[in-house]
């Protein structure tokens, strides 16, 4: 999953909702930053990240096994 900030001047929060990916919103998902090679944690319902202008994040999002 790629998150993009297309703004020319401002950092902005960029959000992906599990529902928009066809994932169960009652389950948490594990998020990993593929460029930084780091696990970001488990998130319920959505993931949000502040991105500087013209930046992007490249993520792997995997549904968890337990309901939130």
C-alpha atoms as a PDB file:
ATOM      1  CA  UNK A   1       0.000   0.000   0.000  1.00  0.00           C
ATOM      2  CA  UNK A   2       1.372   3.407  -0.883  1.00  0.00           C
ATOM      3  CA  UNK A   3       0.394   6.560   1.000  1.00  0.00           C
ATOM      4  CA  UNK A   4       1.101   9.847  -0.783  1.00  0.00           C
ATOM      5  CA  UNK A   5       1.159  13.541   0.110  1.00  0.00           C
ATOM      6  CA  UNK A   6       0.749  15.417  -3.170  1.00  0.00           C
ATOM      7  CA  UNK A   7       0.854  18.841  -1.492  1.00  0.00           C
ATOM      8  CA  UNK A   8       3.522  21.298  -2.648  1.00  0.00           C
ATOM      9  CA  UNK A   9       3.914  23.117   0.645  1.00  0.00           C
ATOM     10  CA  UNK A  10       2.459  21.384   3.710  1.00  0.00           C
ATOM     11  CA  UNK A  11       2.945  18.227   5.726  1.00  0.00           C
ATOM     12  CA  UNK A  12      -0.370  16.419   5.933  1.00  0.00           C
ATOM     13  CA  UNK A  13      -1.843  13.433   7.744  1.00  0.00           C
ATOM     14  CA  UNK A  14      -2.562  10.641   5.276  1.00  0.00           C
ATOM     15  CA  UNK A  15      -4.961   7.871   6.343  1.00  0.00           C
ATOM     16  CA  UNK A  16      -5.918   4.473   4.984  1.00  0.00           C
ATOM     17  CA  UNK A  17      -9.065   2.851   6.401  1.00  0.00           C
ATOM     18  CA  UNK A  18      -9.244  -0.937   6.522  1.00  0.00           C
ATOM     19  CA  UNK A  19     -12.731  -0.750   4.997  1.00  0.00           C
ATOM     20  CA  UNK A  20     -11.318   0.931   1.853  1.00  0.00           C
ATOM     21  CA  UNK A  21      -9.037  -2.102   1.399  1.00  0.00           C
ATOM     22  CA  UNK A  22     -11.883  -4.580   1.814  1.00  0.00           C
ATOM     23  CA  UNK A  23     -10.592  -5.641   5.237  1.00  0.00           C
ATOM     24  CA  UNK A  24     -12.687  -6.430   8.305  1.00  0.00           C
ATOM     25  CA  UNK A  25     -12.983  -3.223  10.343  1.00  0.00           C
ATOM     26  CA  UNK A  26     -13.481  -5.292  13.535  1.00  0.00           C
ATOM     27  CA  UNK A  27      -9.945  -6.680  13.355  1.00  0.00           C
ATOM     28  CA  UNK A  28      -6.694  -4.917  13.968  1.00  0.00           C
ATOM     29  CA  UNK A  29      -4.046  -5.005  11.247  1.00  0.00           C
ATOM     30  CA  UNK A  30      -0.285  -5.239  11.514  1.00  0.00           C
ATOM     31  CA  UNK A  31       1.510  -2.463   9.622  1.00  0.00           C
ATOM     32  CA  UNK A  32       5.112  -2.621   8.397  1.00  0.00           C
ATOM     33  CA  UNK A  33       7.092   0.141   6.694  1.00  0.00           C
ATOM     34  CA  UNK A  34       8.744  -1.638   3.766  1.00  0.00           C
ATOM     35  CA  UNK A  35      11.306   1.088   3.030  1.00  0.00           C
ATOM     36  CA  UNK A  36      12.421   1.504   6.642  1.00  0.00           C
ATOM     37  CA  UNK A  37      12.264  -2.261   7.309  1.00  0.00           C
ATOM     38  CA  UNK A  38      10.383  -1.659  10.561  1.00  0.00           C
ATOM     39  CA  UNK A  39       7.211  -2.950  12.146  1.00  0.00           C
ATOM     40  CA  UNK A  40       4.969  -0.014  13.072  1.00  0.00           C
ATOM     41  CA  UNK A  41       2.544  -1.959  15.242  1.00  0.00           C
ATOM     42  CA  UNK A  42      -1.049  -3.125  15.324  1.00  0.00           C
ATOM     43  CA  UNK A  43      -3.796  -0.636  14.440  1.00  0.00           C
ATOM     44  CA  UNK A  44      -7.590  -0.837  14.743  1.00  0.00           C
ATOM     45  CA  UNK A  45      -9.743   0.388  11.858  1.00  0.00           C
ATOM     46  CA  UNK A  46      -7.172   2.567  10.098  1.00  0.00           C
ATOM     47  CA  UNK A  47      -3.568   3.771   9.920  1.00  0.00           C
ATOM     48  CA  UNK A  48      -2.616   7.453   9.761  1.00  0.00           C
ATOM     49  CA  UNK A  49       0.796   9.008   9.195  1.00  0.00           C
ATOM     50  CA  UNK A  50       2.048  12.580   8.807  1.00  0.00           C
ATOM     51  CA  UNK A  51       3.910  12.972   5.514  1.00  0.00           C
ATOM     52  CA  UNK A  52       5.984  15.968   4.329  1.00  0.00           C
ATOM     53  CA  UNK A  53       5.226  17.500   0.902  1.00  0.00           C
ATOM     54  CA  UNK A  54       5.814  15.136  -2.050  1.00  0.00           C
ATOM     55  CA  UNK A  55       6.659  12.219   0.241  1.00  0.00           C
ATOM     56  CA  UNK A  56       5.205   8.726   0.377  1.00  0.00           C
ATOM     57  CA  UNK A  57       5.143   5.698   2.636  1.00  0.00           C
ATOM     58  CA  UNK A  58       5.237   2.141   1.301  1.00  0.00           C
ATOM     59  CA  UNK A  59       3.469  -0.225   3.713  1.00  0.00           C
ATOM     60  CA  UNK A  60       2.490  -3.853   4.130  1.00  0.00           C
ATOM     61  CA  UNK A  61      -0.840  -4.237   5.932  1.00  0.00           C
ATOM     62  CA  UNK A  62      -1.753  -7.689   7.256  1.00  0.00           C
ATOM     63  CA  UNK A  63      -5.029  -8.481   9.051  1.00  0.00           C
ATOM     64  CA  UNK A  64      -4.558  -9.621  12.636  1.00  0.00           C
ATOM     65  CA  UNK A  65      -6.083 -12.750  14.098  1.00  0.00           C
ATOM     66  CA  UNK A  66      -8.089 -11.183  16.914  1.00  0.00           C
ATOM     67  CA  UNK A  67     -11.129  -8.949  16.848  1.00  0.00           C
ATOM     68  CA  UNK A  68     -10.810  -5.447  18.306  1.00  0.00           C
END
